[in-house]
Amino acid sequence: MECNSDKPLFSIIIPTYNHAHCINRCLDSVVNQTYPYWEAIVVNNFSEDNTIEVVKLYNDQRIRLINFNNNGIIAASRNTGIREAKGDWIAFLDSDDWWALDKLQVCFERINDQVDIIYHDLKIVRETTVFFRQKKIKSWQLKKPVLMDLLVNGNPIANSSVVLRKKLLDQIGGIDENLKMIACEDFHTWLRIAQITDAFSYIPKCIGYYGLSSLGISRKDMSLPVKFVLVNYMHLLNRDEINKIRSRLDYTEGRFAFLSKNYGVARKNLCFSLRYGDYAIKVKSMLMLLVIAQRNCCK
């Protein structure tokens, strides 16, 4: 389908590796969008399953397949897609995630001269039912200056929800491919963009789905890449702001240590997050500290 010149063209970047079992769900949600002026660039990291065959089954000229060896760095795949993109707007979509059918239409209607990046909530879909677990990735409207809100309060922007102007990514030289930023490169990208523009627009609606499998649950201490990202911004913050950030990072590190049964490290981190964290962090820290104390008593 030819693009209407009066409407922006979305370029959807879909990195994938060995996701033949779910990429059809992702691509179906794109092909069936109510807004038709898009292209999808599937960047395949030389999958060893039948991903290529699944993608080629779609007889749609708007879908392009690129085979690219990213050496384990998903940011490199996204940058490859960005370079190939023809649209003025980039949309990110991971191959195990998918969209509501009006996702692009809703985002299109939000576009104006005062908007540079759009994001929204995602519903979390697990392979098995887990009680008392987060049911959606809930975001918020970032306050100006956006850079400070991101630094102090953390990253509320889910990658598969984002639509942004391609010129912004060109201006910052794409997504950083540093190995130390793996799993946190998206947060780093939003921080860099926030130094250029405050025009972040939040849609308080779930118009996408985040697929969470038991095999996809990370056992990585996510405080490490976040610390690496934030180190160059700490001079912008006062003591209270630094303590708030540290409480969040110490909670993340403490929770990882707790789940790894490294209770000595967990106790140290959780005590700090209990003192300086917000209400939710205080409650969760206290619960884990009580479990640690109980287990120590039982020895």
Protein backbone atom coordinates (compact mmCIF):
# COMPACT_ATOMS: atom_id res chain seq x y z
CA MET A 1 0.00 0.00 0.00
CA GLU A 2 1.30 3.42 -0.93
CA CYS A 3 1.74 5.88 1.90
CA ASN A 4 -0.56 8.88 1.98
CA SER A 5 1.79 11.88 1.91
CA ASP A 6 -0.52 13.77 4.27
CA LYS A 7 0.02 11.20 7.01
CA PRO A 8 3.21 10.14 8.77
CA LEU A 9 4.62 6.75 7.93
CA PHE A 10 5.54 4.56 10.88
CA SER A 11 8.61 2.35 10.59
CA ILE A 12 8.22 -0.57 13.01
CA ILE A 13 11.51 -2.11 14.15
CA ILE A 14 11.18 -5.78 15.22
CA PRO A 15 14.40 -7.49 16.35
CA THR A 16 14.09 -11.25 16.71
CA TYR A 17 16.04 -14.40 17.51
CA ASN A 18 14.55 -17.91 17.60
CA HIS A 19 11.02 -16.61 18.09
CA ALA A 20 9.30 -18.52 15.31
CA HIS A 21 6.81 -19.79 17.90
CA CYS A 22 5.50 -16.30 18.67
CA ILE A 23 6.53 -13.87 15.92
CA ASN A 24 3.34 -14.62 13.97
CA ARG A 25 1.33 -13.21 16.90
CA CYS A 26 3.48 -10.09 16.76
CA LEU A 27 3.21 -9.67 12.98
CA ASP A 28 -0.52 -10.43 12.93
CA SER A 29 -1.04 -7.51 15.31
CA VAL A 30 0.88 -5.26 12.90
CA VAL A 31 -0.74 -6.45 9.65
CA ASN A 32 -4.21 -5.98 11.14
CA GLN A 33 -3.64 -2.43 12.38
CA THR A 34 -6.52 -0.07 11.63
CA TYR A 35 -3.94 2.54 10.59
CA PRO A 36 -2.45 1.21 7.31
CA TYR A 37 0.51 3.51 6.57
CA TRP A 38 3.44 1.63 8.05
CA GLU A 39 6.39 -0.56 7.22
CA ALA A 40 7.74 -3.36 9.43
CA ILE A 41 11.45 -4.16 9.45
CA VAL A 42 12.17 -7.56 10.99
CA VAL A 43 15.85 -7.75 11.97
CA ASN A 44 16.64 -11.45 12.36
CA ASN A 45 19.75 -12.41 14.33
CA PHE A 46 20.31 -15.51 12.15
CA SER A 47 17.73 -17.55 14.07
CA GLU A 48 18.29 -21.30 14.19
CA ASP A 49 14.58 -22.10 14.07
CA ASN A 50 12.13 -21.44 11.22
CA THR A 51 11.74 -17.70 11.90
CA ILE A 52 12.61 -16.81 8.30
CA GLU A 53 9.98 -19.17 6.90
CA VAL A 54 7.30 -17.77 9.23
CA VAL A 55 8.06 -14.17 8.23
CA LYS A 56 8.10 -15.00 4.52
CA LEU A 57 4.58 -16.44 4.78
CA TYR A 58 3.30 -12.87 5.08
CA ASN A 59 2.54 -11.72 1.56
CA ASP A 60 2.75 -8.04 2.41
CA GLN A 61 5.19 -5.66 0.73
CA ARG A 62 5.22 -3.51 3.86
CA ILE A 63 7.17 -6.22 5.72
CA ARG A 64 10.93 -6.43 5.15
CA LEU A 65 13.28 -9.08 6.53
CA ILE A 66 16.92 -8.32 7.26
CA ASN A 67 19.36 -10.96 8.49
CA PHE A 68 21.94 -9.39 10.77
CA ASN A 69 24.39 -10.84 13.31
CA ASN A 70 24.12 -8.63 16.38
CA ASN A 71 26.68 -10.56 18.47
CA GLY A 72 24.27 -10.66 21.39
CA ILE A 73 23.59 -6.91 21.39
CA ILE A 74 19.93 -6.23 20.62
CA ALA A 75 20.66 -2.50 20.33
CA ALA A 76 22.71 -3.29 17.22
CA SER A 77 19.66 -4.94 15.64
CA ARG A 78 17.48 -1.95 16.46
CA ASN A 79 20.07 0.43 15.02
CA THR A 80 20.16 -1.62 11.82
CA GLY A 81 16.39 -1.29 11.53
CA ILE A 82 16.54 2.44 12.24
CA ARG A 83 19.09 2.96 9.47
CA GLU A 84 16.85 1.11 7.00
CA ALA A 85 13.69 2.92 8.08
CA LYS A 86 11.87 5.12 5.56
CA GLY A 87 9.31 6.58 7.95
CA ASP A 88 9.42 9.83 9.87
CA TRP A 89 8.32 7.97 13.00
CA ILE A 90 9.94 4.90 14.55
CA ALA A 91 7.93 2.36 16.53
CA PHE A 92 9.67 -0.34 18.55
CA LEU A 93 8.12 -3.78 18.94
CA ASP A 94 9.85 -6.87 20.35
CA SER A 95 8.95 -10.10 18.62
CA ASP A 96 7.43 -11.69 21.74
CA ASP A 97 5.19 -8.64 22.30
CA TRP A 98 2.17 -7.50 20.29
CA TRP A 99 -0.21 -4.57 19.91
CA ALA A 100 -3.90 -3.83 20.13
CA LEU A 101 -5.24 -3.33 16.61
CA ASP A 102 -5.76 0.42 17.10
CA LYS A 103 -2.29 1.07 18.54
CA LEU A 104 -0.95 3.04 15.57
CA GLN A 105 -4.24 4.89 15.04
CA VAL A 106 -4.31 6.01 18.69
CA CYS A 107 -0.68 7.15 18.46
CA PHE A 108 -1.30 8.87 15.13
CA GLU A 109 -4.13 10.90 16.65
CA ARG A 110 -1.78 12.07 19.41
CA ILE A 111 0.81 13.47 16.97
CA ASN A 112 1.20 17.24 16.68
CA ASP A 113 3.98 19.83 16.63
CA GLN A 114 4.28 19.66 20.42
CA VAL A 115 4.87 15.89 20.55
CA ASP A 116 8.16 14.11 19.82
CA ILE A 117 7.79 10.78 21.63
CA ILE A 118 4.67 8.80 22.57
CA TYR A 119 4.35 5.89 24.99
CA HIS A 120 1.59 3.96 26.78
CA ASP A 121 0.81 1.13 29.19
CA LEU A 122 1.27 -2.54 28.31
CA LYS A 123 -0.70 -5.48 29.65
CA ILE A 124 1.57 -8.25 30.96
CA VAL A 125 0.67 -11.70 29.60
CA ARG A 126 2.30 -14.68 31.33
CA GLU A 127 2.44 -18.27 30.11
CA THR A 128 1.07 -19.42 33.46
CA THR A 129 -1.17 -17.65 35.96
CA VAL A 130 0.77 -16.12 38.86
CA PHE A 131 -1.16 -14.56 41.71
CA PHE A 132 -0.13 -11.25 43.30
CA ARG A 133 2.11 -10.31 40.40
CA GLN A 134 2.08 -7.13 38.33
CA LYS A 135 -0.66 -7.27 35.68
CA LYS A 136 0.50 -4.36 33.54
CA ILE A 137 3.44 -2.08 32.91
CA LYS A 138 1.92 1.14 34.25
CA SER A 139 3.56 4.33 33.13
CA TRP A 140 2.97 8.01 33.93
CA GLN A 141 3.17 11.39 32.24
CA LEU A 142 6.74 12.54 32.76
CA LYS A 143 6.98 16.03 34.23
CA LYS A 144 9.23 18.77 32.91
CA PRO A 145 12.16 18.79 32.95
CA VAL A 146 11.73 15.22 31.73
CA LEU A 147 15.42 14.45 32.23
CA MET A 148 15.12 15.05 35.99
CA ASP A 149 11.92 13.02 36.29
CA LEU A 150 13.58 10.08 34.53
CA LEU A 151 16.69 10.34 36.69
CA VAL A 152 14.95 10.63 40.04
CA ASN A 153 11.89 8.43 39.51
CA GLY A 154 13.18 5.85 37.07
CA ASN A 155 12.13 4.60 33.66
CA PRO A 156 8.36 4.35 33.10
CA ILE A 157 8.63 3.77 29.34
CA ALA A 158 8.22 0.24 27.99
CA ASN A 159 10.17 -0.25 24.78
CA SER A 160 7.34 -1.92 22.82
CA SER A 161 5.05 1.02 23.58
CA VAL A 162 7.26 3.72 22.08
CA VAL A 163 6.69 5.78 18.94
CA LEU A 164 9.14 8.63 18.32
CA ARG A 165 10.48 10.91 15.63
CA LYS A 166 13.29 9.27 13.67
CA LYS A 167 15.20 12.53 13.56
CA LEU A 168 15.71 12.34 17.33
CA LEU A 169 17.41 8.95 17.03
CA ASP A 170 19.52 10.29 14.17
CA GLN A 171 20.45 13.31 16.28
CA ILE A 172 21.76 11.21 19.19
CA GLY A 173 23.54 8.76 16.89
CA GLY A 174 21.19 5.84 17.54
CA ILE A 175 21.00 3.51 20.52
CA ASP A 176 24.21 2.96 22.49
CA GLU A 177 25.60 -0.56 21.87
CA ASN A 178 27.85 -0.68 24.95
CA LEU A 179 27.82 -4.19 26.45
CA LYS A 180 27.53 -2.74 29.96
CA MET A 181 24.15 -1.25 29.05
CA ILE A 182 22.47 -4.46 27.89
CA ALA A 183 18.85 -4.52 29.16
CA CYS A 184 19.10 -0.82 30.05
CA GLU A 185 19.94 0.73 26.68
CA ASP A 186 16.35 1.89 26.23
CA PHE A 187 16.47 3.93 29.48
CA HIS A 188 19.75 5.46 28.34
CA THR A 189 18.12 6.39 25.02
CA TRP A 190 15.21 8.18 26.72
CA LEU A 191 17.68 10.10 28.93
CA ARG A 192 19.64 11.26 25.88
CA ILE A 193 16.46 12.28 24.06
CA ALA A 194 15.26 14.15 27.16
CA GLN A 195 18.31 16.39 26.80
CA ILE A 196 16.94 17.46 23.41
CA THR A 197 13.19 17.67 24.02
CA ASP A 198 10.60 17.63 26.80
CA ALA A 199 7.81 16.74 24.37
CA PHE A 200 7.04 13.30 25.87
CA SER A 201 3.38 12.31 25.59
CA TYR A 202 1.81 9.51 27.67
CA ILE A 203 -1.35 7.67 26.63
CA PRO A 204 -2.96 6.24 29.81
CA LYS A 205 -4.25 3.15 28.07
CA CYS A 206 -3.12 -0.44 27.48
CA ILE A 207 -2.80 -0.69 23.72
CA GLY A 208 -0.11 -3.36 23.69
CA TYR A 209 0.89 -6.62 25.33
CA TYR A 210 4.14 -7.66 26.97
CA GLY A 211 4.71 -11.39 26.58
CA LEU A 212 6.46 -12.86 29.61
CA SER A 213 7.57 -16.49 29.45
CA SER A 214 9.18 -18.51 32.20
CA LEU A 215 12.27 -18.80 30.00
CA GLY A 216 12.39 -15.03 29.47
CA ILE A 217 12.54 -14.05 33.15
CA SER A 218 15.91 -12.42 33.71
CA ARG A 219 18.20 -13.54 36.52
CA LYS A 220 20.43 -10.55 35.98
CA ASP A 221 21.02 -7.92 38.66
CA MET A 222 19.44 -4.98 36.83
CA SER A 223 20.95 -2.45 39.25
CA LEU A 224 24.33 -2.88 37.53
CA PRO A 225 23.48 -1.54 34.03
CA VAL A 226 21.30 1.20 35.58
CA LYS A 227 24.23 2.36 37.73
CA PHE A 228 26.42 2.40 34.63
CA VAL A 229 23.86 4.57 32.81
CA LEU A 230 23.31 7.01 35.69
CA VAL A 231 26.92 7.63 36.68
CA ASN A 232 27.33 10.48 34.18
CA TYR A 233 24.25 12.30 35.49
CA MET A 234 24.86 12.23 39.24
CA HIS A 235 26.37 15.74 39.26
CA LEU A 236 22.92 17.11 38.35
CA LEU A 237 21.32 15.78 41.55
CA ASN A 238 21.17 16.87 45.18
CA ARG A 239 21.68 14.57 48.17
CA ASP A 240 17.97 13.74 48.64
CA GLU A 241 17.60 12.88 44.95
CA ILE A 242 20.71 10.68 45.06
CA ASN A 243 19.37 8.86 48.13
CA LYS A 244 16.07 8.26 46.37
CA ILE A 245 17.83 6.80 43.35
CA ARG A 246 20.14 4.72 45.52
CA SER A 247 17.17 3.36 47.50
CA ARG A 248 15.63 2.11 44.26
CA LEU A 249 18.91 0.57 43.07
CA ASP A 250 19.65 -0.97 46.47
CA TYR A 251 16.17 -2.49 46.48
CA THR A 252 16.79 -3.99 43.02
CA GLU A 253 20.18 -5.36 44.08
CA GLY A 254 18.79 -6.55 47.41
CA ARG A 255 15.87 -8.34 45.80
CA PHE A 256 18.23 -10.06 43.36
CA ALA A 257 20.46 -11.15 46.26
CA PHE A 258 17.38 -12.33 48.20
CA LEU A 259 16.16 -14.47 45.30
CA SER A 260 19.72 -15.82 44.95
CA LYS A 261 19.68 -16.66 48.70
CA ASN A 262 22.62 -14.34 49.35
CA TYR A 263 20.98 -13.01 52.47
CA GLY A 264 23.95 -11.07 53.86
CA VAL A 265 24.14 -8.85 50.77
CA ALA A 266 20.35 -8.65 50.60
CA ARG A 267 20.08 -7.41 54.20
CA LYS A 268 22.59 -4.61 53.65
CA ASN A 269 20.85 -3.33 50.51
CA LEU A 270 17.33 -3.70 51.83
CA CYS A 271 18.12 -1.81 55.03
CA PHE A 272 19.08 1.22 52.95
CA SER A 273 16.03 0.98 50.71
CA LEU A 274 13.86 0.59 53.83
CA ARG A 275 15.24 3.88 55.17
CA TYR A 276 15.17 6.03 52.03
CA GLY A 277 12.73 4.35 49.62
CA ASP A 278 9.18 5.33 48.81
CA TYR A 279 6.24 3.59 50.50
CA ALA A 280 6.07 0.64 48.10
CA ILE A 281 9.81 -0.02 48.35
CA LYS A 282 9.70 0.26 52.15
CA VAL A 283 6.92 -2.33 52.39
CA LYS A 284 8.59 -4.81 50.03
CA SER A 285 11.98 -4.32 51.70
CA MET A 286 10.47 -4.90 55.13
CA LEU A 287 8.77 -8.12 54.03
CA MET A 288 12.02 -9.54 52.64
CA LEU A 289 13.95 -8.49 55.75
CA LEU A 290 11.38 -10.28 57.92
CA VAL A 291 11.78 -13.45 55.85
CA ILE A 292 15.58 -13.20 56.18
CA ALA A 293 15.29 -12.76 59.95
CA GLN A 294 12.93 -15.73 60.22
CA ARG A 295 15.24 -17.97 58.21
CA ASN A 296 18.23 -16.94 60.33
CA CYS A 297 16.27 -17.82 63.48
CA CYS A 298 15.47 -21.26 62.10
CA LYS A 299 19.12 -22.18 61.54
